[in-house]
Each structure stands twice: as structure tokens, then as C-alpha cells.
Amino acid sequence: MLAVIPARGGSKRIPRKNIRSFCGKPIIAWSIEAARESGCFDKVIVSTDDEEIAEVARSAGAAVPFMRPKALADDHTGTVPVVRHAVEWCVGHDQILEHVCCIYATAVFVTGADLQRGLAVLRDHGVRYAFTVSRFSSPIQRALRITRHGRVEMFHPEQANTRSQDLEPAYHDAGQFYWGTAAAWLAGDPLFSSESAPIVMPDERAQDIDTPEDWSRAEALFRLQRERLG
């Protein structure tokens, strides 16, 4: 089995995001560590277009067997094409793959046990993908928009008088990792479909890190969780 960690060099909102120090080590090292600790993978590789990221990844215990093409390293390239490229490269070099997991380089809250659970969900449900989700803290059916006149209106006004506890829970992609069959990645199947199964993560371990404010919040939460674990 293969773990693929995408880590391009062109992050703009947080420069050098994928190798910036997070609680004492390059942030990508936490993802590599979780992948290795899980015991799920024959190989952990990093897909990057950046030589410095490649060197950091190797130092943390991952392989960088190729450099990602520039065409797959811009702001608009999605996860599936990047992982498909990595899978195609491995298959082209005589590696037999059944299951492949994409782990984001900033998935600092992911543990080896999470990855083990994800593989079990993928296998047990017989789906193409299994990925992490987290529950919205507020009912999305009660969401508001701000109009161009500076007023508010409901997205779903028919739910105005429905009690919150009577509304269906909603979930969002937690942006941590995506298990998939090698065939699904190679076919370019969409991640979100009836052929995907959820791995529910608690809110406090489903943190996006896209801005400097996100980074500071995530570090504080990470340290707190580590202290709780002793």
C-alpha cells in the first residue's frame, strides 16, 4: 500500500507552508510520522515540485522518487490529478497497488490509528474512497446570507421555525486524508459521491490551516492536546 503526501512549493497565504516549523518540526514531518507509525504502508512518498521540500521530506523519512510536473503544481490543480500522477508513476515502475492514501502535508492532527481506521472503513464498506469528515457546529439549514443592501436573509427560509434539534446533521470534508482504491485514483473518480464512505473526526482535530491565524490557532490546540495525552 502507498501513502502519497502532496506538497507543492507555491503556497501564497503562508509562504513555505509545507515545511514551516510547526511545534518544533517541519509541518510535513507530522504527516510523514503518522503514515509511518500506522504500519499501513509499504512506501510513503511526497509529491512535490520543490527541491527544498523534497530534501525536508527525505530527512523526515519519506521517499521522493520523482519531481512533480509544473503542470500539476499550480493553484488550480486538484488532489485527484496529483495522486493519480503518483499512482501512475508507481505502477509504471512495476509496483502493484491495491489501496492508496493521500495525506495532506498539514494534517498535523492525524494519527496512525486514524489511518488504520480509514483503511478499515474503505475495506469494510467496499467503496472507492473513504475520507475524513467533521460535523458542522451549527445547522446549515439555518444559514444566513448578507445581501448587497447590508441586510440578512435565510438560505432556507422554510426552516425558520424548525427547531435546531429537528434538523438533519450536516458534515464537511475535514481535509485530512483520503483512502482510495488504486483503480479509483487511476480513473480520476470524484472524491465526493455515493461510492465514498465517511470517517468522522471530532471538530477539535479537523483544523484547516490556510491563514496565519489558522496556524497560530492550530499550534495552540495541538500543544493542548499533546499535554492532555501526557
C-alpha atoms as a PDB file:
ATOM      1  CA  MET A   1       0.000   0.000   0.000  1.00  0.00           C
ATOM      2  CA  LEU A   2       1.070   3.513  -0.779  1.00  0.00           C
ATOM      3  CA  ALA A   3       0.798   6.867   1.012  1.00  0.00           C
ATOM      4  CA  VAL A   4       1.051   9.994  -1.126  1.00  0.00           C
ATOM      5  CA  ILE A   5       1.630  13.358   0.535  1.00  0.00           C
ATOM      6  CA  PRO A   6       1.137  16.275  -1.889  1.00  0.00           C
ATOM      7  CA  ALA A   7       3.349  19.255  -1.047  1.00  0.00           C
ATOM      8  CA  ARG A   8       3.863  21.858  -3.725  1.00  0.00           C
ATOM      9  CA  GLY A   9       6.174  24.791  -3.152  1.00  0.00           C
ATOM     10  CA  GLY A  10       3.935  27.688  -4.188  1.00  0.00           C
ATOM     11  CA  SER A  11       1.835  28.401  -1.109  1.00  0.00           C
ATOM     12  CA  LYS A  12       0.943  32.111  -1.078  1.00  0.00           C
ATOM     13  CA  ARG A  13      -1.068  32.840   2.068  1.00  0.00           C
ATOM     14  CA  ILE A  14       1.503  31.092   4.276  1.00  0.00           C
ATOM     15  CA  PRO A  15       4.872  31.153   2.457  1.00  0.00           C
ATOM     16  CA  ARG A  16       6.762  27.821   2.544  1.00  0.00           C
ATOM     17  CA  LYS A  17       3.773  26.426   4.376  1.00  0.00           C
ATOM     18  CA  ASN A  18       4.536  22.742   3.850  1.00  0.00           C
ATOM     19  CA  ILE A  19       7.943  22.897   5.543  1.00  0.00           C
ATOM     20  CA  ARG A  20       7.378  25.718   8.013  1.00  0.00           C
ATOM     21  CA  SER A  21       8.142  24.754  11.623  1.00  0.00           C
ATOM     22  CA  PHE A  22       5.035  23.603  13.486  1.00  0.00           C
ATOM     23  CA  CYS A  23       5.514  22.821  17.176  1.00  0.00           C
ATOM     24  CA  GLY A  24       9.179  22.050  16.728  1.00  0.00           C
ATOM     25  CA  LYS A  25       9.415  20.284  13.364  1.00  0.00           C
ATOM     26  CA  PRO A  26       8.542  20.950   9.705  1.00  0.00           C
ATOM     27  CA  ILE A  27       4.804  20.573   9.418  1.00  0.00           C
ATOM     28  CA  ILE A  28       5.061  17.897   6.725  1.00  0.00           C
ATOM     29  CA  ALA A  29       7.076  15.757   9.134  1.00  0.00           C
ATOM     30  CA  TRP A  30       3.988  15.211  11.297  1.00  0.00           C
ATOM     31  CA  SER A  31       2.102  13.676   8.350  1.00  0.00           C
ATOM     32  CA  ILE A  32       5.066  11.516   7.411  1.00  0.00           C
ATOM     33  CA  GLU A  33       5.384  10.373  11.016  1.00  0.00           C
ATOM     34  CA  ALA A  34       1.693   9.415  11.254  1.00  0.00           C
ATOM     35  CA  ALA A  35       1.912   7.470   7.986  1.00  0.00           C
ATOM     36  CA  ARG A  36       4.961   5.544   9.147  1.00  0.00           C
ATOM     37  CA  GLU A  37       3.511   4.877  12.609  1.00  0.00           C
ATOM     38  CA  SER A  38       0.287   3.490  11.142  1.00  0.00           C
ATOM     39  CA  GLY A  39       2.049   0.441   9.727  1.00  0.00           C
ATOM     40  CA  CYS A  40      -0.343   0.570   6.762  1.00  0.00           C
ATOM     41  CA  PHE A  41       2.126   1.438   4.036  1.00  0.00           C
ATOM     42  CA  ASP A  42       4.878  -0.244   2.113  1.00  0.00           C
ATOM     43  CA  LYS A  43       6.041   3.173   0.973  1.00  0.00           C
ATOM     44  CA  VAL A  44       5.393   6.808   1.936  1.00  0.00           C
ATOM     45  CA  ILE A  45       6.159   9.245  -0.874  1.00  0.00           C
ATOM     46  CA  VAL A  46       5.934  13.011  -1.194  1.00  0.00           C
ATOM     47  CA  SER A  47       4.800  14.553  -4.475  1.00  0.00           C
ATOM     48  CA  THR A  48       6.430  17.957  -4.810  1.00  0.00           C
ATOM     49  CA  ASP A  49       7.824  20.347  -7.393  1.00  0.00           C
ATOM     50  CA  ASP A  50      10.208  21.921  -4.881  1.00  0.00           C
ATOM     51  CA  GLU A  51      13.759  20.712  -4.154  1.00  0.00           C
ATOM     52  CA  GLU A  52      13.821  22.092  -0.602  1.00  0.00           C
ATOM     53  CA  ILE A  53      10.562  20.354   0.273  1.00  0.00           C
ATOM     54  CA  ALA A  54      11.945  17.151  -1.240  1.00  0.00           C
ATOM     55  CA  GLU A  55      15.028  17.335   0.983  1.00  0.00           C
ATOM     56  CA  VAL A  56      12.979  18.003   4.124  1.00  0.00           C
ATOM     57  CA  ALA A  57      10.662  15.113   3.240  1.00  0.00           C
ATOM     58  CA  ARG A  58      13.573  12.714   2.797  1.00  0.00           C
ATOM     59  CA  SER A  59      15.058  13.817   6.111  1.00  0.00           C
ATOM     60  CA  ALA A  60      11.717  13.042   7.780  1.00  0.00           C
ATOM     61  CA  GLY A  61      11.666   9.508   6.388  1.00  0.00           C
ATOM     62  CA  ALA A  62       9.638   9.786   3.172  1.00  0.00           C
ATOM     63  CA  ALA A  63      10.711   8.934  -0.359  1.00  0.00           C
ATOM     64  CA  VAL A  64      10.656  11.454  -3.212  1.00  0.00           C
ATOM     65  CA  PRO A  65      11.114   9.221  -6.247  1.00  0.00           C
ATOM     66  CA  PHE A  66      10.104  11.899  -8.785  1.00  0.00           C
ATOM     67  CA  MET A  67       9.561  15.633  -9.031  1.00  0.00           C
ATOM     68  CA  ARG A  68       6.010  16.676  -9.765  1.00  0.00           C
ATOM     69  CA  PRO A  69       5.468  18.269 -13.204  1.00  0.00           C
ATOM     70  CA  LYS A  70       4.875  22.017 -13.167  1.00  0.00           C
ATOM     71  CA  ALA A  71       1.538  21.452 -14.893  1.00  0.00           C
ATOM     72  CA  LEU A  72       0.333  19.727 -11.711  1.00  0.00           C
ATOM     73  CA  ALA A  73       1.742  22.305  -9.297  1.00  0.00           C
ATOM     74  CA  ASP A  74      -0.373  25.414  -9.808  1.00  0.00           C
ATOM     75  CA  ASP A  75      -3.154  26.920  -7.698  1.00  0.00           C
ATOM     76  CA  HIS A  76      -5.888  25.192  -9.680  1.00  0.00           C
ATOM     77  CA  THR A  77      -4.716  21.577  -9.668  1.00  0.00           C
ATOM     78  CA  GLY A  78      -6.913  19.332  -7.539  1.00  0.00           C
ATOM     79  CA  THR A  79      -5.990  16.446  -5.305  1.00  0.00           C
ATOM     80  CA  VAL A  80      -7.129  13.641  -7.598  1.00  0.00           C
ATOM     81  CA  PRO A  81      -4.862  14.518 -10.577  1.00  0.00           C
ATOM     82  CA  VAL A  82      -1.839  14.823  -8.268  1.00  0.00           C
ATOM     83  CA  VAL A  83      -2.431  11.446  -6.648  1.00  0.00           C
ATOM     84  CA  ARG A  84      -3.275   9.855  -9.999  1.00  0.00           C
ATOM     85  CA  HIS A  85       0.094  11.028 -11.330  1.00  0.00           C
ATOM     86  CA  ALA A  86       1.877   9.456  -8.357  1.00  0.00           C
ATOM     87  CA  VAL A  87      -0.023   6.180  -8.744  1.00  0.00           C
ATOM     88  CA  GLU A  88       0.696   6.092 -12.477  1.00  0.00           C
ATOM     89  CA  TRP A  89       4.381   6.639 -11.783  1.00  0.00           C
ATOM     90  CA  CYS A  90       4.492   3.800  -9.271  1.00  0.00           C
ATOM     91  CA  VAL A  91       2.543   1.410 -11.487  1.00  0.00           C
ATOM     92  CA  GLY A  92       4.853   2.333 -14.359  1.00  0.00           C
ATOM     93  CA  HIS A  93       7.775   1.295 -12.191  1.00  0.00           C
ATOM     94  CA  ASP A  94       6.388  -2.174 -11.560  1.00  0.00           C
ATOM     95  CA  GLN A  95       4.705  -1.520  -8.217  1.00  0.00           C
ATOM     96  CA  ILE A  96       1.476  -3.420  -7.586  1.00  0.00           C
ATOM     97  CA  LEU A  97      -1.026  -1.218  -5.760  1.00  0.00           C
ATOM     98  CA  GLU A  98      -4.437  -2.035  -4.339  1.00  0.00           C
ATOM     99  CA  HIS A  99      -5.093   0.811  -1.909  1.00  0.00           C
ATOM    100  CA  VAL A 100      -3.594   4.302  -1.857  1.00  0.00           C
ATOM    101  CA  CYS A 101      -3.970   7.027   0.761  1.00  0.00           C
ATOM    102  CA  CYS A 102      -3.493  10.730   0.145  1.00  0.00           C
ATOM    103  CA  ILE A 103      -2.461  12.532   3.344  1.00  0.00           C
ATOM    104  CA  TYR A 104      -2.255  16.307   3.347  1.00  0.00           C
ATOM    105  CA  ALA A 105       1.077  17.806   4.392  1.00  0.00           C
ATOM    106  CA  THR A 106      -0.658  19.972   7.005  1.00  0.00           C
ATOM    107  CA  ALA A 107      -2.704  17.143   8.580  1.00  0.00           C
ATOM    108  CA  VAL A 108      -0.969  17.516  11.944  1.00  0.00           C
ATOM    109  CA  PHE A 109      -3.886  16.100  13.951  1.00  0.00           C
ATOM    110  CA  VAL A 110      -3.954  12.794  12.067  1.00  0.00           C
ATOM    111  CA  THR A 111      -2.662   9.755  13.949  1.00  0.00           C
ATOM    112  CA  GLY A 112      -1.552   6.340  12.836  1.00  0.00           C
ATOM    113  CA  ALA A 113      -4.735   4.946  14.410  1.00  0.00           C
ATOM    114  CA  ASP A 114      -6.842   7.290  12.261  1.00  0.00           C
ATOM    115  CA  LEU A 115      -5.190   5.955   9.120  1.00  0.00           C
ATOM    116  CA  GLN A 116      -5.754   2.371  10.250  1.00  0.00           C
ATOM    117  CA  ARG A 117      -9.421   3.148  10.861  1.00  0.00           C
ATOM    118  CA  GLY A 118      -9.716   4.755   7.447  1.00  0.00           C
ATOM    119  CA  LEU A 119      -8.365   1.662   5.719  1.00  0.00           C
ATOM    120  CA  ALA A 120     -10.824  -0.494   7.649  1.00  0.00           C
ATOM    121  CA  VAL A 121     -13.730   1.723   6.533  1.00  0.00           C
ATOM    122  CA  LEU A 122     -12.599   1.538   2.910  1.00  0.00           C
ATOM    123  CA  ARG A 123     -12.409  -2.237   3.011  1.00  0.00           C
ATOM    124  CA  ASP A 124     -15.479  -2.904   5.142  1.00  0.00           C
ATOM    125  CA  HIS A 125     -17.779  -0.682   3.086  1.00  0.00           C
ATOM    126  CA  GLY A 126     -16.452  -1.833  -0.285  1.00  0.00           C
ATOM    127  CA  VAL A 127     -16.308   1.744  -1.579  1.00  0.00           C
ATOM    128  CA  ARG A 128     -13.986   3.621  -3.934  1.00  0.00           C
ATOM    129  CA  TYR A 129     -12.929   6.203  -1.335  1.00  0.00           C
ATOM    130  CA  ALA A 130     -13.073   6.779   2.399  1.00  0.00           C
ATOM    131  CA  PHE A 131     -12.194  10.188   3.798  1.00  0.00           C
ATOM    132  CA  THR A 132     -12.455  12.275   6.935  1.00  0.00           C
ATOM    133  CA  VAL A 133     -15.466  14.441   7.663  1.00  0.00           C
ATOM    134  CA  SER A 134     -16.462  16.627  10.581  1.00  0.00           C
ATOM    135  CA  ARG A 135     -19.902  17.798  11.670  1.00  0.00           C
ATOM    136  CA  PHE A 136     -20.897  21.432  11.198  1.00  0.00           C
ATOM    137  CA  SER A 137     -21.255  23.045  14.606  1.00  0.00           C
ATOM    138  CA  SER A 138     -24.382  24.979  13.535  1.00  0.00           C
ATOM    139  CA  PRO A 139     -27.281  23.751  11.385  1.00  0.00           C
ATOM    140  CA  ILE A 140     -26.594  24.636   7.760  1.00  0.00           C
ATOM    141  CA  GLN A 141     -30.366  24.828   7.169  1.00  0.00           C
ATOM    142  CA  ARG A 142     -30.380  27.982   9.327  1.00  0.00           C
ATOM    143  CA  ALA A 143     -27.562  29.694   7.408  1.00  0.00           C
ATOM    144  CA  LEU A 144     -27.837  33.402   6.608  1.00  0.00           C
ATOM    145  CA  ARG A 145     -26.557  35.483   3.718  1.00  0.00           C
ATOM    146  CA  ILE A 146     -25.763  39.188   3.786  1.00  0.00           C
ATOM    147  CA  THR A 147     -27.399  40.956   0.852  1.00  0.00           C
ATOM    148  CA  ARG A 148     -25.844  43.746  -1.199  1.00  0.00           C
ATOM    149  CA  HIS A 149     -28.033  46.159   0.749  1.00  0.00           C
ATOM    150  CA  GLY A 150     -26.430  45.127   4.038  1.00  0.00           C
ATOM    151  CA  ARG A 151     -29.418  43.117   5.230  1.00  0.00           C
ATOM    152  CA  VAL A 152     -29.750  39.433   6.047  1.00  0.00           C
ATOM    153  CA  GLU A 153     -31.877  36.657   4.615  1.00  0.00           C
ATOM    154  CA  MET A 154     -32.018  32.929   5.117  1.00  0.00           C
ATOM    155  CA  PHE A 155     -30.737  30.483   2.544  1.00  0.00           C
ATOM    156  CA  HIS A 156     -33.640  28.198   3.527  1.00  0.00           C
ATOM    157  CA  PRO A 157     -36.461  30.398   4.882  1.00  0.00           C
ATOM    158  CA  GLU A 158     -38.765  27.381   5.070  1.00  0.00           C
ATOM    159  CA  GLN A 159     -36.640  26.222   8.035  1.00  0.00           C
ATOM    160  CA  ALA A 160     -37.059  29.467  10.008  1.00  0.00           C
ATOM    161  CA  ASN A 161     -39.293  27.918  12.643  1.00  0.00           C
ATOM    162  CA  THR A 162     -37.799  24.429  12.737  1.00  0.00           C
ATOM    163  CA  ARG A 163     -36.071  23.546  15.999  1.00  0.00           C
ATOM    164  CA  SER A 164     -32.332  23.042  15.642  1.00  0.00           C
ATOM    165  CA  GLN A 165     -32.538  19.554  17.168  1.00  0.00           C
ATOM    166  CA  ASP A 166     -35.043  18.539  14.486  1.00  0.00           C
ATOM    167  CA  LEU A 167     -32.714  19.418  11.587  1.00  0.00           C
ATOM    168  CA  GLU A 168     -30.586  16.791   9.889  1.00  0.00           C
ATOM    169  CA  PRO A 169     -26.895  16.966  10.893  1.00  0.00           C
ATOM    170  CA  ALA A 170     -24.555  18.081   8.118  1.00  0.00           C
ATOM    171  CA  TYR A 171     -20.887  17.302   7.605  1.00  0.00           C
ATOM    172  CA  HIS A 172     -17.977  18.816   5.708  1.00  0.00           C
ATOM    173  CA  ASP A 173     -14.746  17.451   4.297  1.00  0.00           C
ATOM    174  CA  ALA A 174     -12.226  17.604   7.131  1.00  0.00           C
ATOM    175  CA  GLY A 175      -9.318  17.907   4.691  1.00  0.00           C
ATOM    176  CA  GLN A 176      -7.045  15.391   6.437  1.00  0.00           C
ATOM    177  CA  PHE A 177      -6.654  12.234   4.358  1.00  0.00           C
ATOM    178  CA  TYR A 178      -8.350  10.234   1.600  1.00  0.00           C
ATOM    179  CA  TRP A 179      -8.104   6.485   1.272  1.00  0.00           C
ATOM    180  CA  GLY A 180      -8.977   5.121  -2.144  1.00  0.00           C
ATOM    181  CA  THR A 181      -8.571   2.093  -4.305  1.00  0.00           C
ATOM    182  CA  ALA A 182      -5.763   2.391  -6.806  1.00  0.00           C
ATOM    183  CA  ALA A 183      -8.370   1.887  -9.526  1.00  0.00           C
ATOM    184  CA  ALA A 184     -10.404   4.871  -8.302  1.00  0.00           C
ATOM    185  CA  TRP A 185      -7.386   7.187  -8.316  1.00  0.00           C
ATOM    186  CA  LEU A 186      -6.295   5.987 -11.747  1.00  0.00           C
ATOM    187  CA  ALA A 187      -9.787   6.502 -13.159  1.00  0.00           C
ATOM    188  CA  GLY A 188      -9.936  10.014 -11.724  1.00  0.00           C
ATOM    189  CA  ASP A 189     -13.147   9.224  -9.856  1.00  0.00           C
ATOM    190  CA  PRO A 190     -14.560  12.154  -7.853  1.00  0.00           C
ATOM    191  CA  LEU A 191     -13.916  12.041  -4.117  1.00  0.00           C
ATOM    192  CA  PHE A 192     -17.449  13.015  -3.151  1.00  0.00           C
ATOM    193  CA  SER A 193     -20.055  10.542  -4.350  1.00  0.00           C
ATOM    194  CA  SER A 194     -22.223   7.649  -3.250  1.00  0.00           C
ATOM    195  CA  GLU A 195     -19.115   5.485  -3.715  1.00  0.00           C
ATOM    196  CA  SER A 196     -17.392   7.195  -0.770  1.00  0.00           C
ATOM    197  CA  ALA A 197     -17.695   6.461   2.943  1.00  0.00           C
ATOM    198  CA  PRO A 198     -17.087   8.901   5.827  1.00  0.00           C
ATOM    199  CA  ILE A 199     -14.571   8.703   8.639  1.00  0.00           C
ATOM    200  CA  VAL A 200     -15.959  11.059  11.277  1.00  0.00           C
ATOM    201  CA  MET A 201     -13.354  13.107  13.133  1.00  0.00           C
ATOM    202  CA  PRO A 202     -14.049  15.328  16.142  1.00  0.00           C
ATOM    203  CA  ASP A 203     -14.115  19.060  15.469  1.00  0.00           C
ATOM    204  CA  GLU A 204     -11.001  19.754  17.506  1.00  0.00           C
ATOM    205  CA  ARG A 205      -8.933  17.501  15.219  1.00  0.00           C
ATOM    206  CA  ALA A 206     -10.300  18.833  11.935  1.00  0.00           C
ATOM    207  CA  GLN A 207      -8.478  22.136  11.545  1.00  0.00           C
ATOM    208  CA  ASP A 208      -7.833  23.852   8.215  1.00  0.00           C
ATOM    209  CA  ILE A 209      -4.519  25.715   8.158  1.00  0.00           C
ATOM    210  CA  ASP A 210      -4.832  28.280   5.390  1.00  0.00           C
ATOM    211  CA  THR A 211      -4.001  31.596   7.076  1.00  0.00           C
ATOM    212  CA  PRO A 212      -1.507  32.795   9.713  1.00  0.00           C
ATOM    213  CA  GLU A 213      -4.419  32.968  12.164  1.00  0.00           C
ATOM    214  CA  ASP A 214      -5.300  29.334  11.415  1.00  0.00           C
ATOM    215  CA  TRP A 215      -1.663  28.403  12.009  1.00  0.00           C
ATOM    216  CA  SER A 216      -1.489  30.046  15.434  1.00  0.00           C
ATOM    217  CA  ARG A 217      -4.794  28.506  16.490  1.00  0.00           C
ATOM    218  CA  ALA A 218      -3.745  25.049  15.304  1.00  0.00           C
ATOM    219  CA  GLU A 219      -0.419  25.202  17.161  1.00  0.00           C
ATOM    220  CA  ALA A 220      -2.136  26.202  20.394  1.00  0.00           C
ATOM    221  CA  LEU A 221      -4.694  23.424  20.046  1.00  0.00           C
ATOM    222  CA  PHE A 222      -2.039  20.886  19.086  1.00  0.00           C
ATOM    223  CA  ARG A 223       0.035  21.685  22.167  1.00  0.00           C
ATOM    224  CA  LEU A 224      -3.037  21.475  24.395  1.00  0.00           C
ATOM    225  CA  GLN A 225      -3.995  18.073  23.009  1.00  0.00           C
ATOM    226  CA  ARG A 226      -0.446  16.783  23.450  1.00  0.00           C
ATOM    227  CA  GLU A 227      -0.440  17.973  27.063  1.00  0.00           C
ATOM    228  CA  ARG A 228      -3.701  16.136  27.716  1.00  0.00           C
ATOM    229  CA  LEU A 229      -2.155  12.929  26.393  1.00  0.00           C
ATOM    230  CA  GLY A 230       0.722  13.375  28.802  1.00  0.00           C
END
